[in-house]
C-alpha atoms as a PDB file:
ATOM      1  CA  MET A   1      31.008   4.468 -15.860  1.00  0.00           C
ATOM      2  CA  THR A   2      27.467   4.274 -17.103  1.00  0.00           C
ATOM      3  CA  TYR A   3      25.210   1.371 -16.241  1.00  0.00           C
ATOM      4  CA  ASP A   4      22.260   0.361 -18.393  1.00  0.00           C
ATOM      5  CA  ASN A   5      20.049  -1.896 -16.295  1.00  0.00           C
ATOM      6  CA  PRO A   6      16.396  -2.607 -17.021  1.00  0.00           C
ATOM      7  CA  GLY A   7      14.290  -0.684 -14.526  1.00  0.00           C
ATOM      8  CA  ASP A   8      17.199   1.527 -13.428  1.00  0.00           C
ATOM      9  CA  LEU A   9      18.120   4.983 -14.566  1.00  0.00           C
ATOM     10  CA  ASN A  10      21.387   5.489 -16.426  1.00  0.00           C
ATOM     11  CA  VAL A  11      23.831   6.204 -13.622  1.00  0.00           C
ATOM     12  CA  SER A  12      27.315   7.636 -13.817  1.00  0.00           C
ATOM     13  CA  THR A  13      29.824   7.176 -11.008  1.00  0.00           C
ATOM     14  CA  GLN A  14      33.487   8.065 -10.563  1.00  0.00           C
ATOM     15  CA  PHE A  15      34.276   4.729  -8.872  1.00  0.00           C
ATOM     16  CA  LYS A  16      37.016   2.747 -10.606  1.00  0.00           C
ATOM     17  CA  LEU A  17      37.791  -0.882  -9.904  1.00  0.00           C
ATOM     18  CA  PRO A  18      41.257  -1.624  -8.520  1.00  0.00           C
ATOM     19  CA  THR A  19      43.962  -2.831 -10.897  1.00  0.00           C
ATOM     20  CA  TYR A  20      44.095  -6.625 -11.202  1.00  0.00           C
ATOM     21  CA  HIS A  21      47.043  -8.354  -9.515  1.00  0.00           C
ATOM     22  CA  PRO A  22      47.191 -12.174  -9.514  1.00  0.00           C
ATOM     23  CA  ASP A  23      48.604 -12.258  -5.952  1.00  0.00           C
ATOM     24  CA  ARG A  24      45.737 -10.196  -4.487  1.00  0.00           C
ATOM     25  CA  LEU A  25      42.107 -10.802  -3.685  1.00  0.00           C
ATOM     26  CA  CYS A  26      39.630  -7.948  -4.071  1.00  0.00           C
ATOM     27  CA  HIS A  27      36.575  -7.853  -1.783  1.00  0.00           C
ATOM     28  CA  ILE A  28      33.605  -5.779  -2.881  1.00  0.00           C
ATOM     29  CA  LEU A  29      30.704  -4.879  -0.602  1.00  0.00           C
ATOM     30  CA  LEU A  30      27.547  -3.542  -2.215  1.00  0.00           C
ATOM     31  CA  GLY A  31      24.462  -2.547  -0.234  1.00  0.00           C
ATOM     32  CA  ASP A  32      22.955   0.169   1.882  1.00  0.00           C
ATOM     33  CA  TYR A  33      25.376   2.272   3.915  1.00  0.00           C
ATOM     34  CA  ALA A  34      24.596   0.670   7.294  1.00  0.00           C
ATOM     35  CA  ALA A  35      24.983  -2.871   5.921  1.00  0.00           C
ATOM     36  CA  VAL A  36      28.328  -2.075   4.274  1.00  0.00           C
ATOM     37  CA  ILE A  37      29.675  -0.511   7.488  1.00  0.00           C
ATOM     38  CA  GLU A  38      28.401  -3.441   9.583  1.00  0.00           C
ATOM     39  CA  ALA A  39      30.099  -5.986   7.301  1.00  0.00           C
ATOM     40  CA  ILE A  40      33.394  -4.061   7.468  1.00  0.00           C
ATOM     41  CA  ASN A  41      33.178  -3.879  11.271  1.00  0.00           C
ATOM     42  CA  ARG A  42      32.443  -7.614  11.570  1.00  0.00           C
ATOM     43  CA  MET A  43      35.444  -8.536   9.430  1.00  0.00           C
ATOM     44  CA  GLU A  44      37.610  -6.396  11.701  1.00  0.00           C
ATOM     45  CA  VAL A  45      36.216  -8.100  14.825  1.00  0.00           C
ATOM     46  CA  LEU A  46      36.989 -11.470  13.231  1.00  0.00           C
ATOM     47  CA  ARG A  47      40.543 -10.187  12.613  1.00  0.00           C
ATOM     48  CA  TYR A  48      40.202 -10.797   8.884  1.00  0.00           C
ATOM     49  CA  CYS A  49      41.228  -7.237   8.064  1.00  0.00           C
ATOM     50  CA  GLU A  50      41.584  -3.783   9.522  1.00  0.00           C
ATOM     51  CA  ARG A  51      38.815  -1.250   9.039  1.00  0.00           C
ATOM     52  CA  ILE A  52      41.215   1.204   7.400  1.00  0.00           C
ATOM     53  CA  ALA A  53      41.904  -1.327   4.613  1.00  0.00           C
ATOM     54  CA  TRP A  54      38.474  -0.565   3.124  1.00  0.00           C
ATOM     55  CA  VAL A  55      37.666   2.327   0.824  1.00  0.00           C
ATOM     56  CA  GLU A  56      35.154   4.659   2.509  1.00  0.00           C
ATOM     57  CA  PRO A  57      31.710   3.639   1.146  1.00  0.00           C
ATOM     58  CA  ILE A  58      30.872   5.530  -2.042  1.00  0.00           C
ATOM     59  CA  PRO A  59      27.324   6.021  -3.391  1.00  0.00           C
ATOM     60  CA  THR A  60      26.765   4.044  -6.595  1.00  0.00           C
ATOM     61  CA  GLY A  61      24.157   6.476  -7.858  1.00  0.00           C
ATOM     62  CA  ARG A  62      21.347   3.982  -7.380  1.00  0.00           C
ATOM     63  CA  ASN A  63      18.857   4.800  -4.630  1.00  0.00           C
ATOM     64  CA  GLY A  64      20.509   4.161  -1.231  1.00  0.00           C
ATOM     65  CA  GLU A  65      23.223   1.860  -2.579  1.00  0.00           C
ATOM     66  CA  TYR A  66      26.904   2.108  -1.610  1.00  0.00           C
ATOM     67  CA  ILE A  67      30.064   0.254  -2.608  1.00  0.00           C
ATOM     68  CA  SER A  68      33.320  -0.330  -0.737  1.00  0.00           C
ATOM     69  CA  VAL A  69      36.409  -2.247  -1.845  1.00  0.00           C
ATOM     70  CA  MET A  70      39.296  -3.870   0.005  1.00  0.00           C
ATOM     71  CA  THR A  71      42.289  -5.541  -1.598  1.00  0.00           C
ATOM     72  CA  ARG A  72      44.199  -8.183   0.331  1.00  0.00           C
ATOM     73  CA  ARG A  73      47.450  -9.879  -0.592  1.00  0.00           C
ATOM     74  CA  ILE A  74      47.101 -13.656  -0.887  1.00  0.00           C
ATOM     75  CA  THR A  75      49.649 -15.508   1.239  1.00  0.00           C
ATOM     76  CA  PRO A  76      50.650 -18.973   0.094  1.00  0.00           C
ATOM     77  CA  THR A  77      49.682 -21.809   2.428  1.00  0.00           C
ATOM     78  CA  GLU A  78      51.944 -24.784   2.863  1.00  0.00           C
END
């Protein structure tokens, strides 16, 4: 992927978004490494998800920025 953003350099990354599935919700965290890890850890403490459900943070190519993704199956509520 190549991103053309005003003020940013053209950046190429190997990260690919997950395939779309209507019964799943995809969470994306974008920020510095420590913030991404902290958010993942907090969601685990809240029992929203397990830490291992997240993709290990990957550098986006922009200065100090990382991305991590987690896909969760949506369960119907009655």
